[in-house]
Amino acid sequence: MTRFSIYSNCLLLGIMKTKELTKQVRDKVVEKYEAGLGYKKISRALNISLSTIKSIIRKWKEYGTTANLPRGGRPPKLKSRTRRK
């Protein structure tokens, strides 16, 4: 089994996380949505999963932005300056 096939199998199974989409791609999704395209057509056109398209549009409707919003979670124990040392 090649390295790529192991990676793609893990993605299909949901084991590994993928990188976030760039702001330009998320803006393109909203642009196509405003132009009247449906979720499936946007998904096929940009080769992005349907659930990701739905999430981007839901976030855009709720918050009015496609930028990454702050996430919850425990603050880091070490400050960035300490970590660099």
PDB file of N, CA and C in Angstrom:
ATOM      1  N   MET A   1       0.845  -1.172   0.000  1.00  0.00           N
ATOM      2  CA  MET A   1       0.000   0.000   0.000  1.00  0.00           C
ATOM      3  C   MET A   1       0.898   1.245   0.000  1.00  0.00           C
ATOM      4  N   THR A   2       0.599   2.171  -0.888  1.00  0.00           N
ATOM      5  CA  THR A   2       1.436   3.361  -0.971  1.00  0.00           C
ATOM      6  C   THR A   2       1.066   4.354   0.117  1.00  0.00           C
ATOM      7  N   ARG A   3       1.947   5.307   0.309  1.00  0.00           N
ATOM      8  CA  ARG A   3       1.734   6.325   1.329  1.00  0.00           C
ATOM      9  C   ARG A   3       0.474   7.134   1.037  1.00  0.00           C
ATOM     10  N   PHE A   4       0.268   7.451  -0.250  1.00  0.00           N
ATOM     11  CA  PHE A   4      -0.907   8.240  -0.625  1.00  0.00           C
ATOM     12  C   PHE A   4      -2.195   7.491  -0.330  1.00  0.00           C
ATOM     13  N   SER A   5      -2.235   6.194  -0.646  1.00  0.00           N
ATOM     14  CA  SER A   5      -3.466   5.440  -0.424  1.00  0.00           C
ATOM     15  C   SER A   5      -3.775   5.306   1.064  1.00  0.00           C
ATOM     16  N   ILE A   6      -2.751   5.184   1.894  1.00  0.00           N
ATOM     17  CA  ILE A   6      -2.972   5.148   3.344  1.00  0.00           C
ATOM     18  C   ILE A   6      -3.556   6.477   3.799  1.00  0.00           C
ATOM     19  N   TYR A   7      -2.988   7.565   3.302  1.00  0.00           N
ATOM     20  CA  TYR A   7      -3.468   8.897   3.657  1.00  0.00           C
ATOM     21  C   TYR A   7      -4.908   9.094   3.217  1.00  0.00           C
ATOM     22  N   SER A   8      -5.233   8.729   1.966  1.00  0.00           N
ATOM     23  CA  SER A   8      -6.588   8.928   1.463  1.00  0.00           C
ATOM     24  C   SER A   8      -7.579   8.036   2.200  1.00  0.00           C
ATOM     25  N   ASN A   9      -7.171   6.819   2.567  1.00  0.00           N
ATOM     26  CA  ASN A   9      -8.053   5.944   3.336  1.00  0.00           C
ATOM     27  C   ASN A   9      -8.338   6.530   4.712  1.00  0.00           C
ATOM     28  N   CYS A  10      -7.335   7.110   5.335  1.00  0.00           N
ATOM     29  CA  CYS A  10      -7.535   7.736   6.646  1.00  0.00           C
ATOM     30  C   CYS A  10      -8.494   8.921   6.533  1.00  0.00           C
ATOM     31  N   LEU A  11      -8.368   9.696   5.468  1.00  0.00           N
ATOM     32  CA  LEU A  11      -9.278  10.822   5.269  1.00  0.00           C
ATOM     33  C   LEU A  11     -10.708  10.332   5.080  1.00  0.00           C
ATOM     34  N   LEU A  12     -10.872   9.265   4.310  1.00  0.00           N
ATOM     35  CA  LEU A  12     -12.205   8.726   4.079  1.00  0.00           C
ATOM     36  C   LEU A  12     -12.829   8.208   5.365  1.00  0.00           C
ATOM     37  N   LEU A  13     -12.021   7.646   6.230  1.00  0.00           N
ATOM     38  CA  LEU A  13     -12.528   7.117   7.488  1.00  0.00           C
ATOM     39  C   LEU A  13     -12.689   8.205   8.550  1.00  0.00           C
ATOM     40  N   GLY A  14     -12.193   9.395   8.279  1.00  0.00           N
ATOM     41  CA  GLY A  14     -12.317  10.488   9.230  1.00  0.00           C
ATOM     42  C   GLY A  14     -11.306  10.421  10.360  1.00  0.00           C
ATOM     43  N   ILE A  15     -10.222   9.702  10.149  1.00  0.00           N
ATOM     44  CA  ILE A  15      -9.223   9.552  11.194  1.00  0.00           C
ATOM     45  C   ILE A  15      -8.354  10.801  11.308  1.00  0.00           C
ATOM     46  N   MET A  16      -7.962  11.336  10.160  1.00  0.00           N
ATOM     47  CA  MET A  16      -7.075  12.496  10.161  1.00  0.00           C
ATOM     48  C   MET A  16      -7.865  13.766   9.865  1.00  0.00           C
ATOM     49  N   LYS A  17      -7.442  14.843  10.474  1.00  0.00           N
ATOM     50  CA  LYS A  17      -8.061  16.122  10.165  1.00  0.00           C
ATOM     51  C   LYS A  17      -7.426  16.696   8.911  1.00  0.00           C
ATOM     52  N   THR A  18      -8.198  17.492   8.192  1.00  0.00           N
ATOM     53  CA  THR A  18      -7.650  18.145   7.013  1.00  0.00           C
ATOM     54  C   THR A  18      -7.379  19.608   7.338  1.00  0.00           C
ATOM     55  N   LYS A  19      -6.635  20.255   6.492  1.00  0.00           N
ATOM     56  CA  LYS A  19      -6.332  21.660   6.686  1.00  0.00           C
ATOM     57  C   LYS A  19      -7.580  22.498   6.434  1.00  0.00           C
ATOM     58  N   GLU A  20      -7.617  23.666   7.045  1.00  0.00           N
ATOM     59  CA  GLU A  20      -8.725  24.585   6.811  1.00  0.00           C
ATOM     60  C   GLU A  20      -8.645  25.121   5.396  1.00  0.00           C
ATOM     61  N   LEU A  21      -9.790  25.444   4.848  1.00  0.00           N
ATOM     62  CA  LEU A  21      -9.830  26.060   3.525  1.00  0.00           C
ATOM     63  C   LEU A  21      -9.398  27.517   3.649  1.00  0.00           C
ATOM     64  N   THR A  22      -8.815  28.028   2.601  1.00  0.00           N
ATOM     65  CA  THR A  22      -8.379  29.423   2.621  1.00  0.00           C
ATOM     66  C   THR A  22      -9.597  30.338   2.570  1.00  0.00           C
ATOM     67  N   LYS A  23      -9.411  31.567   2.976  1.00  0.00           N
ATOM     68  CA  LYS A  23     -10.494  32.546   2.956  1.00  0.00           C
ATOM     69  C   LYS A  23     -10.982  32.767   1.530  1.00  0.00           C
ATOM     70  N   GLN A  24     -10.074  32.724   0.563  1.00  0.00           N
ATOM     71  CA  GLN A  24     -10.461  32.912  -0.833  1.00  0.00           C
ATOM     72  C   GLN A  24     -11.418  31.817  -1.296  1.00  0.00           C
ATOM     73  N   VAL A  25     -11.167  30.582  -0.898  1.00  0.00           N
ATOM     74  CA  VAL A  25     -12.041  29.465  -1.286  1.00  0.00           C
ATOM     75  C   VAL A  25     -13.400  29.623  -0.613  1.00  0.00           C
ATOM     76  N   ARG A  26     -13.404  29.967   0.675  1.00  0.00           N
ATOM     77  CA  ARG A  26     -14.677  30.153   1.381  1.00  0.00           C
ATOM     78  C   ARG A  26     -15.466  31.307   0.773  1.00  0.00           C
ATOM     79  N   ASP A  27     -14.772  32.375   0.377  1.00  0.00           N
ATOM     80  CA  ASP A  27     -15.444  33.499  -0.283  1.00  0.00           C
ATOM     81  C   ASP A  27     -16.031  33.068  -1.628  1.00  0.00           C
ATOM     82  N   LYS A  28     -15.320  32.195  -2.337  1.00  0.00           N
ATOM     83  CA  LYS A  28     -15.805  31.682  -3.623  1.00  0.00           C
ATOM     84  C   LYS A  28     -17.087  30.875  -3.422  1.00  0.00           C
ATOM     85  N   VAL A  29     -17.164  30.107  -2.340  1.00  0.00           N
ATOM     86  CA  VAL A  29     -18.371  29.330  -2.031  1.00  0.00           C
ATOM     87  C   VAL A  29     -19.547  30.273  -1.830  1.00  0.00           C
ATOM     88  N   VAL A  30     -19.360  31.318  -1.039  1.00  0.00           N
ATOM     89  CA  VAL A  30     -20.433  32.280  -0.764  1.00  0.00           C
ATOM     90  C   VAL A  30     -20.815  33.014  -2.048  1.00  0.00           C
ATOM     91  N   GLU A  31     -19.834  33.360  -2.848  1.00  0.00           N
ATOM     92  CA  GLU A  31     -20.086  34.048  -4.116  1.00  0.00           C
ATOM     93  C   GLU A  31     -20.984  33.192  -5.021  1.00  0.00           C
ATOM     94  N   LYS A  32     -20.674  31.909  -5.125  1.00  0.00           N
ATOM     95  CA  LYS A  32     -21.479  31.012  -5.953  1.00  0.00           C
ATOM     96  C   LYS A  32     -22.876  30.826  -5.358  1.00  0.00           C
ATOM     97  N   TYR A  33     -22.970  30.788  -4.037  1.00  0.00           N
ATOM     98  CA  TYR A  33     -24.264  30.652  -3.379  1.00  0.00           C
ATOM     99  C   TYR A  33     -25.140  31.877  -3.663  1.00  0.00           C
ATOM    100  N   GLU A  34     -24.542  33.053  -3.562  1.00  0.00           N
ATOM    101  CA  GLU A  34     -25.289  34.289  -3.843  1.00  0.00           C
ATOM    102  C   GLU A  34     -25.699  34.379  -5.310  1.00  0.00           C
ATOM    103  N   ALA A  35     -24.939  33.722  -6.195  1.00  0.00           N
ATOM    104  CA  ALA A  35     -25.264  33.719  -7.619  1.00  0.00           C
ATOM    105  C   ALA A  35     -26.416  32.764  -7.938  1.00  0.00           C
ATOM    106  N   GLY A  36     -26.867  32.012  -6.926  1.00  0.00           N
ATOM    107  CA  GLY A  36     -28.029  31.157  -7.117  1.00  0.00           C
ATOM    108  C   GLY A  36     -27.728  29.683  -7.285  1.00  0.00           C
ATOM    109  N   LEU A  37     -26.458  29.280  -7.191  1.00  0.00           N
ATOM    110  CA  LEU A  37     -26.129  27.863  -7.305  1.00  0.00           C
ATOM    111  C   LEU A  37     -26.516  27.136  -6.028  1.00  0.00           C
ATOM    112  N   GLY A  38     -26.915  25.879  -6.159  1.00  0.00           N
ATOM    113  CA  GLY A  38     -27.259  25.056  -5.006  1.00  0.00           C
ATOM    114  C   GLY A  38     -26.015  24.454  -4.382  1.00  0.00           C
ATOM    115  N   TYR A  39     -26.217  23.832  -3.214  1.00  0.00           N
ATOM    116  CA  TYR A  39     -25.098  23.220  -2.495  1.00  0.00           C
ATOM    117  C   TYR A  39     -24.384  22.163  -3.333  1.00  0.00           C
ATOM    118  N   LYS A  40     -25.149  21.302  -3.989  1.00  0.00           N
ATOM    119  CA  LYS A  40     -24.538  20.218  -4.763  1.00  0.00           C
ATOM    120  C   LYS A  40     -23.715  20.749  -5.927  1.00  0.00           C
ATOM    121  N   LYS A  41     -24.236  21.764  -6.615  1.00  0.00           N
ATOM    122  CA  LYS A  41     -23.503  22.319  -7.755  1.00  0.00           C
ATOM    123  C   LYS A  41     -22.215  22.997  -7.287  1.00  0.00           C
ATOM    124  N   ILE A  42     -22.283  23.695  -6.175  1.00  0.00           N
ATOM    125  CA  ILE A  42     -21.078  24.344  -5.627  1.00  0.00           C
ATOM    126  C   ILE A  42     -20.071  23.262  -5.232  1.00  0.00           C
ATOM    127  N   SER A  43     -20.554  22.208  -4.586  1.00  0.00           N
ATOM    128  CA  SER A  43     -19.699  21.118  -4.144  1.00  0.00           C
ATOM    129  C   SER A  43     -18.962  20.484  -5.318  1.00  0.00           C
ATOM    130  N   ARG A  44     -19.680  20.224  -6.387  1.00  0.00           N
ATOM    131  CA  ARG A  44     -19.053  19.612  -7.569  1.00  0.00           C
ATOM    132  C   ARG A  44     -18.093  20.576  -8.252  1.00  0.00           C
ATOM    133  N   ALA A  45     -18.488  21.842  -8.345  1.00  0.00           N
ATOM    134  CA  ALA A  45     -17.663  22.830  -9.058  1.00  0.00           C
ATOM    135  C   ALA A  45     -16.322  23.055  -8.362  1.00  0.00           C
ATOM    136  N   LEU A  46     -16.321  23.081  -7.033  1.00  0.00           N
ATOM    137  CA  LEU A  46     -15.097  23.383  -6.296  1.00  0.00           C
ATOM    138  C   LEU A  46     -14.424  22.141  -5.721  1.00  0.00           C
ATOM    139  N   ASN A  47     -15.049  20.960  -5.931  1.00  0.00           N
ATOM    140  CA  ASN A  47     -14.516  19.705  -5.420  1.00  0.00           C
ATOM    141  C   ASN A  47     -14.320  19.747  -3.903  1.00  0.00           C
ATOM    142  N   ILE A  48     -15.353  20.202  -3.211  1.00  0.00           N
ATOM    143  CA  ILE A  48     -15.368  20.285  -1.756  1.00  0.00           C
ATOM    144  C   ILE A  48     -16.590  19.499  -1.294  1.00  0.00           C
ATOM    145  N   SER A  49     -16.486  18.840  -0.151  1.00  0.00           N
ATOM    146  CA  SER A  49     -17.600  18.016   0.321  1.00  0.00           C
ATOM    147  C   SER A  49     -18.843  18.862   0.585  1.00  0.00           C
ATOM    148  N   LEU A  50     -19.985  18.224   0.446  1.00  0.00           N
ATOM    149  CA  LEU A  50     -21.265  18.893   0.622  1.00  0.00           C
ATOM    150  C   LEU A  50     -21.416  19.429   2.041  1.00  0.00           C
ATOM    151  N   SER A  51     -20.975  18.669   3.025  1.00  0.00           N
ATOM    152  CA  SER A  51     -21.101  19.114   4.416  1.00  0.00           C
ATOM    153  C   SER A  51     -20.236  20.350   4.682  1.00  0.00           C
ATOM    154  N   THR A  52     -19.091  20.446   4.033  1.00  0.00           N
ATOM    155  CA  THR A  52     -18.235  21.620   4.179  1.00  0.00           C
ATOM    156  C   THR A  52     -18.902  22.841   3.576  1.00  0.00           C
ATOM    157  N   ILE A  53     -19.533  22.664   2.414  1.00  0.00           N
ATOM    158  CA  ILE A  53     -20.253  23.767   1.773  1.00  0.00           C
ATOM    159  C   ILE A  53     -21.360  24.262   2.689  1.00  0.00           C
ATOM    160  N   LYS A  54     -22.124  23.320   3.263  1.00  0.00           N
ATOM    161  CA  LYS A  54     -23.217  23.689   4.168  1.00  0.00           C
ATOM    162  C   LYS A  54     -22.690  24.439   5.383  1.00  0.00           C
ATOM    163  N   SER A  55     -21.566  23.979   5.929  1.00  0.00           N
ATOM    164  CA  SER A  55     -20.984  24.627   7.111  1.00  0.00           C
ATOM    165  C   SER A  55     -20.542  26.049   6.805  1.00  0.00           C
ATOM    166  N   ILE A  56     -19.910  26.236   5.658  1.00  0.00           N
ATOM    167  CA  ILE A  56     -19.425  27.569   5.270  1.00  0.00           C
ATOM    168  C   ILE A  56     -20.598  28.525   5.113  1.00  0.00           C
ATOM    169  N   ILE A  57     -21.651  28.076   4.438  1.00  0.00           N
ATOM    170  CA  ILE A  57     -22.799  28.950   4.192  1.00  0.00           C
ATOM    171  C   ILE A  57     -23.560  29.216   5.485  1.00  0.00           C
ATOM    172  N   ARG A  58     -23.693  28.209   6.358  1.00  0.00           N
ATOM    173  CA  ARG A  58     -24.362  28.404   7.643  1.00  0.00           C
ATOM    174  C   ARG A  58     -23.622  29.437   8.483  1.00  0.00           C
ATOM    175  N   LYS A  59     -22.301  29.341   8.519  1.00  0.00           N
ATOM    176  CA  LYS A  59     -21.486  30.286   9.285  1.00  0.00           C
ATOM    177  C   LYS A  59     -21.598  31.689   8.695  1.00  0.00           C
ATOM    178  N   TRP A  60     -21.617  31.763   7.380  1.00  0.00           N
ATOM    179  CA  TRP A  60     -21.736  33.059   6.713  1.00  0.00           C
ATOM    180  C   TRP A  60     -23.085  33.715   7.029  1.00  0.00           C
ATOM    181  N   LYS A  61     -24.161  32.921   7.009  1.00  0.00           N
ATOM    182  CA  LYS A  61     -25.491  33.461   7.319  1.00  0.00           C
ATOM    183  C   LYS A  61     -25.579  33.921   8.774  1.00  0.00           C
ATOM    184  N   GLU A  62     -24.986  33.148   9.675  1.00  0.00           N
ATOM    185  CA  GLU A  62     -25.095  33.447  11.101  1.00  0.00           C
ATOM    186  C   GLU A  62     -24.216  34.617  11.528  1.00  0.00           C
ATOM    187  N   TYR A  63     -22.983  34.644  11.057  1.00  0.00           N
ATOM    188  CA  TYR A  63     -22.016  35.652  11.519  1.00  0.00           C
ATOM    189  C   TYR A  63     -21.695  36.719  10.484  1.00  0.00           C
ATOM    190  N   GLY A  64     -22.086  36.505   9.235  1.00  0.00           N
ATOM    191  CA  GLY A  64     -21.823  37.489   8.198  1.00  0.00           C
ATOM    192  C   GLY A  64     -20.380  37.560   7.748  1.00  0.00           C
ATOM    193  N   THR A  65     -19.611  36.516   8.032  1.00  0.00           N
ATOM    194  CA  THR A  65     -18.209  36.510   7.640  1.00  0.00           C
ATOM    195  C   THR A  65     -17.776  35.094   7.289  1.00  0.00           C
ATOM    196  N   THR A  66     -16.709  35.002   6.507  1.00  0.00           N
ATOM    197  CA  THR A  66     -16.128  33.690   6.208  1.00  0.00           C
ATOM    198  C   THR A  66     -14.767  33.539   6.882  1.00  0.00           C
ATOM    199  N   ALA A  67     -14.395  34.517   7.697  1.00  0.00           N
ATOM    200  CA  ALA A  67     -13.104  34.457   8.388  1.00  0.00           C
ATOM    201  C   ALA A  67     -13.144  33.402   9.481  1.00  0.00           C
ATOM    202  N   ASN A  68     -11.979  32.900   9.868  1.00  0.00           N
ATOM    203  CA  ASN A  68     -11.892  31.949  10.967  1.00  0.00           C
ATOM    204  C   ASN A  68     -12.244  32.661  12.262  1.00  0.00           C
ATOM    205  N   LEU A  69     -13.173  32.111  13.010  1.00  0.00           N
ATOM    206  CA  LEU A  69     -13.569  32.687  14.284  1.00  0.00           C
ATOM    207  C   LEU A  69     -12.763  32.033  15.395  1.00  0.00           C
ATOM    208  N   PRO A  70     -12.607  32.729  16.520  1.00  0.00           N
ATOM    209  CA  PRO A  70     -11.847  32.140  17.625  1.00  0.00           C
ATOM    210  C   PRO A  70     -12.546  30.879  18.147  1.00  0.00           C
ATOM    211  N   ARG A  71     -11.754  29.917  18.538  1.00  0.00           N
ATOM    212  CA  ARG A  71     -12.287  28.665  19.064  1.00  0.00           C
ATOM    213  C   ARG A  71     -12.155  28.657  20.579  1.00  0.00           C
ATOM    214  N   GLY A  72     -12.975  27.822  21.172  1.00  0.00           N
ATOM    215  CA  GLY A  72     -12.874  27.664  22.614  1.00  0.00           C
ATOM    216  C   GLY A  72     -11.736  26.736  22.962  1.00  0.00           C
ATOM    217  N   GLY A  73     -11.535  26.539  24.244  1.00  0.00           N
ATOM    218  CA  GLY A  73     -10.493  25.616  24.676  1.00  0.00           C
ATOM    219  C   GLY A  73      -9.610  26.228  25.735  1.00  0.00           C
ATOM    220  N   ARG A  74      -8.835  25.387  26.317  1.00  0.00           N
ATOM    221  CA  ARG A  74      -7.950  25.829  27.381  1.00  0.00           C
ATOM    222  C   ARG A  74      -6.827  26.693  26.810  1.00  0.00           C
ATOM    223  N   PRO A  75      -6.522  27.794  27.475  1.00  0.00           N
ATOM    224  CA  PRO A  75      -5.394  28.619  27.023  1.00  0.00           C
ATOM    225  C   PRO A  75      -4.082  27.847  27.187  1.00  0.00           C
ATOM    226  N   PRO A  76      -3.087  28.148  26.368  1.00  0.00           N
ATOM    227  CA  PRO A  76      -1.806  27.447  26.500  1.00  0.00           C
ATOM    228  C   PRO A  76      -1.134  27.754  27.831  1.00  0.00           C
ATOM    229  N   LYS A  77      -0.436  26.772  28.384  1.00  0.00           N
ATOM    230  CA  LYS A  77       0.283  26.989  29.642  1.00  0.00           C
ATOM    231  C   LYS A  77       1.466  27.927  29.443  1.00  0.00           C
ATOM    232  N   LEU A  78       2.152  27.751  28.303  1.00  0.00           N
ATOM    233  CA  LEU A  78       3.317  28.575  28.029  1.00  0.00           C
ATOM    234  C   LEU A  78       2.967  29.681  27.048  1.00  0.00           C
ATOM    235  N   LYS A  79       3.497  30.832  27.269  1.00  0.00           N
ATOM    236  CA  LYS A  79       3.329  31.937  26.331  1.00  0.00           C
ATOM    237  C   LYS A  79       4.190  31.651  25.103  1.00  0.00           C
ATOM    238  N   SER A  80       3.860  32.267  23.992  1.00  0.00           N
ATOM    239  CA  SER A  80       4.593  32.003  22.754  1.00  0.00           C
ATOM    240  C   SER A  80       6.068  32.379  22.896  1.00  0.00           C
ATOM    241  N   ARG A  81       6.357  33.407  23.651  1.00  0.00           N
ATOM    242  CA  ARG A  81       7.750  33.821  23.833  1.00  0.00           C
ATOM    243  C   ARG A  81       8.545  32.753  24.588  1.00  0.00           C
ATOM    244  N   THR A  82       7.927  32.140  25.612  1.00  0.00           N
ATOM    245  CA  THR A  82       8.594  31.108  26.381  1.00  0.00           C
ATOM    246  C   THR A  82       8.817  29.861  25.525  1.00  0.00           C
ATOM    247  N   ARG A  83       7.857  29.530  24.691  1.00  0.00           N
ATOM    248  CA  ARG A  83       7.974  28.346  23.849  1.00  0.00           C
ATOM    249  C   ARG A  83       9.122  28.467  22.861  1.00  0.00           C
ATOM    250  N   ARG A  84       9.431  29.691  22.414  1.00  0.00           N
ATOM    251  CA  ARG A  84      10.488  29.887  21.424  1.00  0.00           C
ATOM    252  C   ARG A  84      11.865  29.683  22.002  1.00  0.00           C
ATOM    253  N   LYS A  85      12.009  29.810  23.317  1.00  0.00           N
ATOM    254  CA  LYS A  85      13.341  29.719  23.939  1.00  0.00           C
ATOM    255  C   LYS A  85      13.854  28.322  23.992  1.00  0.00           C
TER     256      LYS A  85
END
